[in-house]
Amino acid sequence: MYLDSAYVAKFYVNEPNMVAVRKLIRGAANVRPSSWALLEVTSVFHPHVREGALSVAQGRELMDVFRGHVESDAFPRRAVTSIRGLPKIVPLRAGDAIHLATALDVGETEIWTNDRHLLAAAAQLGIAGRSV
């Protein structure tokens, strides 16, 4: 199962839809985030610390736990051509491009996200977009 960073982060911190996302992740045979998710998800923890929802120690512990869950770097190697072929009407941000390229690279046929731009781009690449 390929998840974008927003869904991965919901496994670790309390955010909207976290219960459904956690259930989804726990039921998966495997979860494959990209190396981009390592930086992006770690960055999600920081505002929680800054705003006081997590202590500094809790934030660091979450970062360490997350790093331990990311086994390998599945950074995109072959999907650049597909990304370049997207119609110009499809909005695509750099982070979304990396998520899509990684999902393609590891052979996933669906991507879980609540990001409407990522869902639109996924459909153009033949990846089923899913949301809880």
Protein backbone atom coordinates (compact mmCIF):
# COMPACT_ATOMS: atom_id res chain seq x y z
CA MET A 1 0.00 0.00 0.00
CA TYR A 2 1.33 3.41 -0.92
CA LEU A 3 0.33 6.37 1.25
CA ASP A 4 1.16 10.02 0.85
CA SER A 5 2.78 11.86 3.75
CA ALA A 6 -0.48 13.26 5.14
CA TYR A 7 -1.84 9.75 5.63
CA VAL A 8 1.44 8.44 7.05
CA ALA A 9 1.49 11.30 9.56
CA LYS A 10 -2.03 10.44 10.75
CA PHE A 11 -0.67 7.10 11.96
CA TYR A 12 1.60 8.94 14.40
CA VAL A 13 -0.24 12.11 15.41
CA ASN A 14 -3.83 12.95 16.26
CA GLU A 15 -5.39 14.60 13.23
CA PRO A 16 -8.76 14.40 11.45
CA ASN A 17 -9.52 10.91 10.06
CA MET A 18 -6.67 9.38 12.09
CA VAL A 19 -8.80 6.46 13.36
CA ALA A 20 -9.79 5.38 9.85
CA VAL A 21 -6.25 5.83 8.52
CA ARG A 22 -4.71 3.88 11.40
CA LYS A 23 -7.16 1.02 10.80
CA LEU A 24 -6.30 1.06 7.11
CA ILE A 25 -2.54 0.97 7.79
CA ARG A 26 -2.79 -1.78 10.41
CA GLY A 27 -4.69 -3.93 7.92
CA ALA A 28 -2.11 -3.52 5.14
CA ALA A 29 0.33 -6.28 4.24
CA ASN A 30 2.99 -3.62 3.79
CA VAL A 31 3.24 0.15 3.58
CA ARG A 32 5.72 1.81 1.23
CA PRO A 33 6.43 5.50 1.73
CA SER A 34 8.97 7.35 -0.37
CA SER A 35 12.08 9.03 0.91
CA TRP A 36 10.19 12.29 0.42
CA ALA A 37 7.75 11.10 3.08
CA LEU A 38 10.62 10.76 5.56
CA LEU A 39 11.30 14.49 5.39
CA GLU A 40 7.69 15.56 4.99
CA VAL A 41 6.30 13.42 7.83
CA THR A 42 9.13 14.41 10.15
CA SER A 43 8.25 18.03 9.35
CA VAL A 44 4.63 17.37 10.35
CA PHE A 45 5.76 16.53 13.89
CA HIS A 46 7.46 19.89 14.40
CA PRO A 47 4.32 22.08 14.45
CA HIS A 48 2.75 19.70 16.96
CA VAL A 49 5.75 20.33 19.23
CA ARG A 50 5.78 24.06 18.51
CA GLU A 51 2.06 24.38 19.30
CA GLY A 52 2.37 22.30 22.49
CA ALA A 53 0.34 19.24 21.41
CA LEU A 54 3.53 17.18 21.84
CA SER A 55 6.46 17.72 24.18
CA VAL A 56 9.94 18.01 22.69
CA ALA A 57 10.70 14.50 23.93
CA GLN A 58 7.49 13.11 22.39
CA GLY A 59 8.26 14.80 19.07
CA ARG A 60 11.76 13.35 18.99
CA GLU A 61 10.46 9.93 19.93
CA LEU A 62 7.90 10.02 17.11
CA MET A 63 10.62 11.03 14.64
CA ASP A 64 12.78 8.12 15.78
CA VAL A 65 9.89 5.63 15.63
CA PHE A 66 8.94 6.83 12.16
CA ARG A 67 12.53 6.58 10.90
CA GLY A 68 12.58 3.00 12.17
CA HIS A 69 9.44 2.21 10.18
CA VAL A 70 10.89 3.48 6.90
CA GLU A 71 12.92 0.52 5.74
CA SER A 72 14.31 1.60 2.41
CA ASP A 73 14.54 4.46 -0.02
CA ALA A 74 11.97 3.87 -2.74
CA PHE A 75 12.80 7.15 -4.46
CA PRO A 76 11.51 7.36 -8.03
CA ARG A 77 13.75 5.87 -10.67
CA ARG A 78 11.69 5.36 -13.81
CA ALA A 79 8.49 7.39 -13.65
CA VAL A 80 9.74 10.79 -14.82
CA THR A 81 8.39 10.21 -18.34
CA SER A 82 4.90 9.51 -17.00
CA ILE A 83 4.94 12.61 -14.83
CA ARG A 84 6.14 14.76 -17.73
CA GLY A 85 3.22 13.49 -19.82
CA LEU A 86 0.50 14.88 -17.56
CA PRO A 87 -1.91 17.29 -19.24
CA LYS A 88 -1.23 20.91 -18.37
CA ILE A 89 -4.66 21.25 -16.75
CA VAL A 90 -3.61 18.85 -13.97
CA PRO A 91 -2.08 20.76 -11.05
CA LEU A 92 1.03 19.00 -9.81
CA ARG A 93 3.28 20.16 -6.99
CA ALA A 94 6.79 18.79 -6.50
CA GLY A 95 5.86 16.74 -3.46
CA ASP A 96 2.88 15.20 -5.26
CA ALA A 97 5.07 14.35 -8.25
CA ILE A 98 7.47 12.50 -5.98
CA HIS A 99 4.62 10.58 -4.33
CA LEU A 100 3.20 9.57 -7.72
CA ALA A 101 6.56 8.64 -9.17
CA THR A 102 7.35 6.53 -6.13
CA ALA A 103 4.00 4.74 -6.26
CA LEU A 104 4.63 3.95 -9.93
CA ASP A 105 8.21 2.93 -9.24
CA VAL A 106 7.23 0.36 -6.62
CA GLY A 107 4.36 -0.97 -8.73
CA GLU A 108 1.41 0.29 -6.68
CA THR A 109 -1.94 0.61 -8.44
CA GLU A 110 -3.56 2.90 -5.89
CA ILE A 111 -2.60 5.78 -3.65
CA TRP A 112 -4.33 6.83 -0.43
CA THR A 113 -4.66 10.57 0.17
CA ASN A 114 -7.13 13.33 0.86
CA ASP A 115 -5.29 15.75 -1.44
CA ARG A 116 -7.59 16.58 -4.38
CA HIS A 117 -4.71 17.63 -6.64
CA LEU A 118 -2.85 14.40 -5.98
CA LEU A 119 -6.04 12.40 -6.63
CA ALA A 120 -6.54 14.17 -9.97
CA ALA A 121 -2.96 13.57 -11.08
CA ALA A 122 -3.09 9.93 -9.96
CA ALA A 123 -6.11 9.30 -12.18
CA GLN A 124 -4.20 10.66 -15.19
CA LEU A 125 -1.42 8.13 -14.53
CA GLY A 126 -3.73 5.14 -14.11
CA ILE A 127 -3.32 5.03 -10.34
CA ALA A 128 -6.56 4.64 -8.40
CA GLY A 129 -6.97 7.43 -5.88
CA ARG A 130 -8.44 6.37 -2.56
CA SER A 131 -9.52 8.29 0.53
CA VAL A 132 -11.11 7.21 3.83
